[in-house]
Amino acid sequence: MVHLILDTNIWIYLAEGQHPFVLEGLIKKVNDNEISLLVNDEIIKEWDRNNSLSKERIKKELKKQLEFAKELKSCLKSEDEIKFNELISKIKDSNPEFEATIDSRFQLVDDLIKKQSINVPISIGNKLEIIDWALKKQAPFHRNKNSVADALILFSSIEFIKKNGINNVNYNRIDISDSVFVSYNSDDFSQGVKGNDKDLIHEDLKLLLESVGMKYERNFGNLLNLTSSMKLEIDDYMDYVESRIIEQMEWENEIKRGK
């Protein structure tokens, strides 16, 4: 069994349903006892704080896309315009079903977190260690970001694995690794933000993960026996999201330097 640790953004990604086959694959492996999910109270708190906002944003985005679609009518011939209007009407009529699907998907993720995961305790030692790492500006705190929530789940999970003797395998193959930490946030956890460095754990964290034979993975698809095209689709999406995050950070830093 693989013990899986997901950072906060991965949980939101699963609920948003960009790639529904990922959530379906995860649920199947959890139900088949191939994967065990590790969470903690901080992850639950972050999920409760963000999931409603994320859900409403997706619903608003759906309505916005319908409005944008109407603008395409001017590019169509009369006969095609009629067919197009019929299609738009069908989609609008199905909007309650779409929203119900969104609600259902978020509930599935909520159940995974709160009912089907192991809630790992956060010790005082975890908190003190994280404070020390933050003061030393070690990853994931090396870019002056507030990464406490993700650091807590990683540190507490490693402590839980050590105490419970979960991880005894240390081969360089993800399919037989006993524990995997998944985050597409290379800015916090990877050796670099470009090229192959994105897929390597930061040197500050390497020994910590190796102490329990834990693997670091950015592409969730590598854990679910997905096709190459599916993995590539996930990878492209993760890179896009991450690039937007980095652009936002760079813009904020430019604003700060200008003050």
Protein backbone atom coordinates (compact mmCIF):
# COMPACT_ATOMS: atom_id res chain seq x y z
CA MET A 1 0.00 0.00 0.00
CA VAL A 2 1.17 3.50 -0.86
CA HIS A 3 0.67 6.13 1.85
CA LEU A 4 -0.13 9.33 0.00
CA ILE A 5 0.41 12.87 1.25
CA LEU A 6 -1.19 15.63 -0.83
CA ASP A 7 -0.52 19.32 -0.43
CA THR A 8 -3.45 21.73 -0.09
CA ASN A 9 -3.51 22.73 -3.76
CA ILE A 10 -3.80 19.11 -4.91
CA TRP A 11 -7.00 18.64 -2.87
CA ILE A 12 -8.51 21.73 -4.49
CA TYR A 13 -7.37 20.54 -7.92
CA LEU A 14 -9.16 17.20 -7.39
CA ALA A 15 -12.37 18.96 -6.40
CA GLU A 16 -12.28 21.41 -9.30
CA GLY A 17 -12.40 18.46 -11.69
CA GLN A 18 -10.00 19.66 -14.38
CA HIS A 19 -9.19 15.98 -14.97
CA PRO A 20 -12.05 13.91 -13.52
CA PHE A 21 -10.27 10.64 -14.30
CA VAL A 22 -7.69 11.54 -11.63
CA LEU A 23 -10.28 11.70 -8.84
CA GLU A 24 -11.95 8.55 -10.14
CA GLY A 25 -8.61 6.72 -10.18
CA LEU A 26 -7.74 7.88 -6.68
CA ILE A 27 -11.10 6.81 -5.22
CA LYS A 28 -10.75 3.39 -6.86
CA LYS A 29 -7.28 2.84 -5.42
CA VAL A 30 -8.43 3.98 -1.96
CA ASN A 31 -11.42 1.62 -2.10
CA ASP A 32 -9.15 -1.22 -3.30
CA ASN A 33 -6.77 -0.54 -0.35
CA GLU A 34 -3.91 0.28 -2.72
CA ILE A 35 -3.61 3.84 -1.41
CA SER A 36 -3.94 5.26 2.09
CA LEU A 37 -4.34 9.03 2.42
CA LEU A 38 -2.66 10.99 5.20
CA VAL A 39 -4.07 14.36 6.27
CA ASN A 40 -3.97 16.49 9.42
CA ASP A 41 -6.10 19.16 11.11
CA GLU A 42 -4.29 21.93 9.24
CA ILE A 43 -5.21 20.44 5.87
CA ILE A 44 -8.82 20.02 6.98
CA LYS A 45 -8.87 23.66 8.12
CA GLU A 46 -7.40 24.85 4.80
CA TRP A 47 -9.87 22.71 2.87
CA ASP A 48 -12.85 24.08 4.81
CA ARG A 49 -11.60 27.61 4.29
CA ASN A 50 -11.06 27.30 0.52
CA ASN A 51 -13.49 24.76 -0.88
CA SER A 52 -16.65 26.92 -0.82
CA LEU A 53 -14.85 29.81 -2.52
CA SER A 54 -13.41 27.48 -5.13
CA LYS A 55 -16.79 25.88 -5.78
CA GLU A 56 -18.51 29.22 -6.31
CA ARG A 57 -15.70 30.41 -8.57
CA ILE A 58 -16.18 27.37 -10.84
CA LYS A 59 -19.94 27.94 -11.02
CA LYS A 60 -19.41 31.60 -11.93
CA GLU A 61 -16.83 30.58 -14.53
CA LEU A 62 -19.36 28.22 -16.10
CA LYS A 63 -21.88 31.05 -16.47
CA LYS A 64 -19.20 33.35 -17.81
CA GLN A 65 -18.24 30.82 -20.50
CA LEU A 66 -21.86 30.70 -21.64
CA GLU A 67 -21.88 34.48 -21.98
CA PHE A 68 -18.65 34.40 -23.99
CA ALA A 69 -20.11 31.71 -26.22
CA LYS A 70 -22.98 34.01 -27.22
CA GLU A 71 -20.48 36.43 -28.75
CA LEU A 72 -19.48 33.78 -31.29
CA LYS A 73 -22.87 34.05 -32.98
CA SER A 74 -21.75 37.01 -35.04
CA CYS A 75 -19.18 34.76 -36.76
CA LEU A 76 -21.76 32.20 -37.88
CA LYS A 77 -24.05 31.97 -40.88
CA SER A 78 -27.79 32.09 -40.22
CA GLU A 79 -28.30 28.30 -40.39
CA ASP A 80 -25.33 27.59 -38.13
CA GLU A 81 -26.45 30.35 -35.79
CA ILE A 82 -29.80 28.60 -35.26
CA LYS A 83 -28.05 25.32 -34.40
CA PHE A 84 -25.65 27.17 -32.15
CA ASN A 85 -28.50 28.89 -30.28
CA GLU A 86 -30.20 25.53 -29.78
CA LEU A 87 -27.01 24.09 -28.30
CA ILE A 88 -26.53 27.07 -25.97
CA SER A 89 -30.14 26.73 -24.80
CA LYS A 90 -29.63 23.06 -24.03
CA ILE A 91 -26.51 23.88 -22.03
CA LYS A 92 -28.33 26.62 -20.10
CA ASP A 93 -31.21 24.24 -19.38
CA SER A 94 -28.65 21.72 -18.05
CA ASN A 95 -27.02 24.28 -15.76
CA PRO A 96 -28.69 22.87 -12.57
CA GLU A 97 -27.28 19.45 -13.48
CA PHE A 98 -23.81 20.93 -13.98
CA GLU A 99 -23.99 22.64 -10.59
CA ALA A 100 -25.18 19.42 -8.96
CA THR A 101 -22.19 17.61 -10.50
CA ILE A 102 -19.84 20.25 -9.10
CA ASP A 103 -21.42 19.96 -5.64
CA SER A 104 -21.17 16.16 -5.81
CA ARG A 105 -17.48 16.25 -6.75
CA PHE A 106 -16.62 18.60 -3.90
CA GLN A 107 -18.53 16.33 -1.52
CA LEU A 108 -16.54 13.32 -2.77
CA VAL A 109 -13.29 15.11 -1.94
CA ASP A 110 -14.69 16.24 1.43
CA ASP A 111 -15.51 12.60 2.23
CA LEU A 112 -12.04 11.49 1.13
CA ILE A 113 -10.42 13.99 3.47
CA LYS A 114 -12.68 13.59 6.48
CA LYS A 115 -13.93 10.00 6.28
CA GLN A 116 -11.42 7.99 4.27
CA SER A 117 -8.08 9.47 5.32
CA ILE A 118 -5.87 8.93 8.34
CA ASN A 119 -5.81 12.10 10.43
CA VAL A 120 -2.16 12.42 11.43
CA PRO A 121 -1.54 14.29 14.70
CA ILE A 122 0.53 17.48 14.66
CA SER A 123 2.99 17.46 17.54
CA ILE A 124 4.54 20.39 19.36
CA GLY A 125 7.83 19.08 17.99
CA ASN A 126 6.53 19.48 14.43
CA LYS A 127 5.58 23.10 15.08
CA LEU A 128 8.91 23.93 16.72
CA GLU A 129 10.85 22.31 13.90
CA ILE A 130 8.88 24.24 11.30
CA ILE A 131 9.53 27.52 13.13
CA ASP A 132 13.24 26.68 13.09
CA TRP A 133 13.16 25.92 9.36
CA ALA A 134 11.27 29.14 8.65
CA LEU A 135 13.81 31.20 10.61
CA LYS A 136 16.64 29.57 8.65
CA LYS A 137 14.70 30.15 5.40
CA GLN A 138 14.98 26.50 4.47
CA ALA A 139 12.57 25.05 1.89
CA PRO A 140 9.62 25.42 1.71
CA PHE A 141 10.27 28.81 3.38
CA HIS A 142 13.20 29.86 1.17
CA ARG A 143 11.14 32.31 -0.92
CA ASN A 144 9.57 34.25 1.96
CA LYS A 145 6.17 32.58 1.48
CA ASN A 146 3.76 31.36 4.12
CA SER A 147 4.07 27.61 3.57
CA VAL A 148 3.19 26.54 7.10
CA ALA A 149 0.16 24.42 6.15
CA ASP A 150 2.02 22.33 3.58
CA ALA A 151 5.11 22.06 5.79
CA LEU A 152 2.96 20.81 8.66
CA ILE A 153 1.40 17.99 6.66
CA LEU A 154 4.81 16.92 5.34
CA PHE A 155 6.60 17.04 8.70
CA SER A 156 3.76 15.46 10.66
CA SER A 157 3.36 12.67 8.08
CA ILE A 158 7.06 11.83 8.20
CA GLU A 159 6.92 11.68 12.00
CA PHE A 160 3.81 9.46 11.81
CA ILE A 161 5.52 7.12 9.34
CA LYS A 162 8.60 6.83 11.57
CA LYS A 163 6.58 6.12 14.71
CA ASN A 164 4.38 3.53 13.00
CA GLY A 165 7.10 1.78 11.05
CA ILE A 166 5.18 2.18 7.79
CA ASN A 167 8.04 2.75 5.40
CA ASN A 168 10.53 -0.07 4.91
CA VAL A 169 10.98 0.14 1.14
CA ASN A 170 13.62 2.41 -0.33
CA TYR A 171 13.81 1.46 -4.02
CA ASN A 172 13.91 4.05 -6.75
CA ARG A 173 10.49 3.05 -8.12
CA ILE A 174 7.40 5.02 -7.28
CA ASP A 175 5.03 2.07 -7.73
CA ILE A 176 6.53 0.20 -4.79
CA SER A 177 7.35 3.15 -2.58
CA ASP A 178 5.50 3.06 0.71
CA SER A 179 4.91 6.82 0.83
CA VAL A 180 4.70 9.65 -1.69
CA PHE A 181 4.38 13.40 -1.21
CA VAL A 182 2.51 15.03 -4.11
CA SER A 183 2.79 18.73 -4.90
CA TYR A 184 3.04 20.57 -8.22
CA ASN A 185 4.37 23.59 -6.31
CA SER A 186 7.97 23.49 -7.49
CA ASP A 187 8.48 27.00 -6.17
CA ASP A 188 8.25 25.67 -2.61
CA PHE A 189 9.40 22.07 -2.80
CA SER A 190 11.51 21.48 -5.92
CA GLN A 191 15.19 22.02 -6.59
CA GLY A 192 14.22 24.62 -9.20
CA VAL A 193 11.28 25.96 -11.18
CA LYS A 194 12.53 25.07 -14.67
CA GLY A 195 13.50 21.94 -16.56
CA ASN A 196 14.28 18.69 -14.76
CA ASP A 197 14.87 20.54 -11.48
CA LYS A 198 11.11 20.90 -11.11
CA ASP A 199 10.82 17.15 -10.54
CA LEU A 200 13.58 16.95 -7.93
CA ILE A 201 12.94 17.58 -4.25
CA HIS A 202 14.76 20.61 -2.83
CA GLU A 203 18.10 19.83 -1.19
CA ASP A 204 16.82 21.22 2.13
CA LEU A 205 14.08 18.56 2.16
CA LYS A 206 15.90 15.66 0.52
CA LEU A 207 17.31 14.04 3.68
CA LEU A 208 14.00 14.52 5.46
CA LEU A 209 12.12 12.52 2.82
CA GLU A 210 14.90 9.95 2.48
CA SER A 211 14.73 9.26 6.23
CA VAL A 212 11.51 7.33 5.55
CA GLY A 213 12.12 6.45 1.88
CA MET A 214 9.44 8.91 0.79
CA LYS A 215 9.19 9.91 -2.87
CA TYR A 216 8.38 13.37 -4.20
CA GLU A 217 6.01 13.52 -7.16
CA ARG A 218 4.61 16.47 -9.12
CA ASN A 219 2.45 14.58 -11.62
CA PHE A 220 -0.39 12.78 -9.88
CA GLY A 221 -0.88 10.59 -12.95
CA ASN A 222 2.30 8.63 -12.22
CA LEU A 223 0.55 7.08 -9.22
CA LEU A 224 -2.59 5.96 -11.01
CA ASN A 225 -1.40 3.88 -13.97
CA LEU A 226 -2.75 6.45 -16.42
CA THR A 227 -1.91 6.56 -20.12
CA SER A 228 0.99 8.70 -21.36
CA SER A 229 -1.42 11.18 -22.96
CA MET A 230 -3.35 11.57 -19.69
CA LYS A 231 -0.12 12.17 -17.78
CA LEU A 232 0.97 14.73 -20.34
CA GLU A 233 -2.41 16.47 -20.08
CA ILE A 234 -2.03 16.71 -16.29
CA ASP A 235 1.57 17.86 -16.60
CA ASP A 236 0.68 20.63 -19.05
CA TYR A 237 -2.12 21.82 -16.79
CA MET A 238 0.07 21.78 -13.66
CA ASP A 239 2.80 23.72 -15.49
CA TYR A 240 0.23 26.28 -16.62
CA VAL A 241 -1.16 26.76 -13.10
CA GLU A 242 2.29 26.97 -11.62
CA SER A 243 3.46 29.50 -14.20
CA ARG A 244 0.50 31.72 -13.30
CA ILE A 245 1.43 31.45 -9.60
CA ILE A 246 5.05 32.37 -10.34
CA GLU A 247 3.98 35.29 -12.55
CA GLN A 248 1.76 36.58 -9.73
CA MET A 249 4.63 36.31 -7.24
CA GLU A 250 7.02 38.12 -9.57
CA TRP A 251 4.46 40.87 -10.13
CA GLU A 252 3.96 41.27 -6.36
CA ASN A 253 7.73 41.42 -5.83
CA GLU A 254 8.00 44.10 -8.51
CA ILE A 255 5.33 46.13 -6.72
CA LYS A 256 7.21 45.78 -3.42
CA ARG A 257 10.50 46.84 -4.97
CA GLY A 258 8.80 49.87 -6.50
CA LYS A 259 7.57 51.15 -3.13
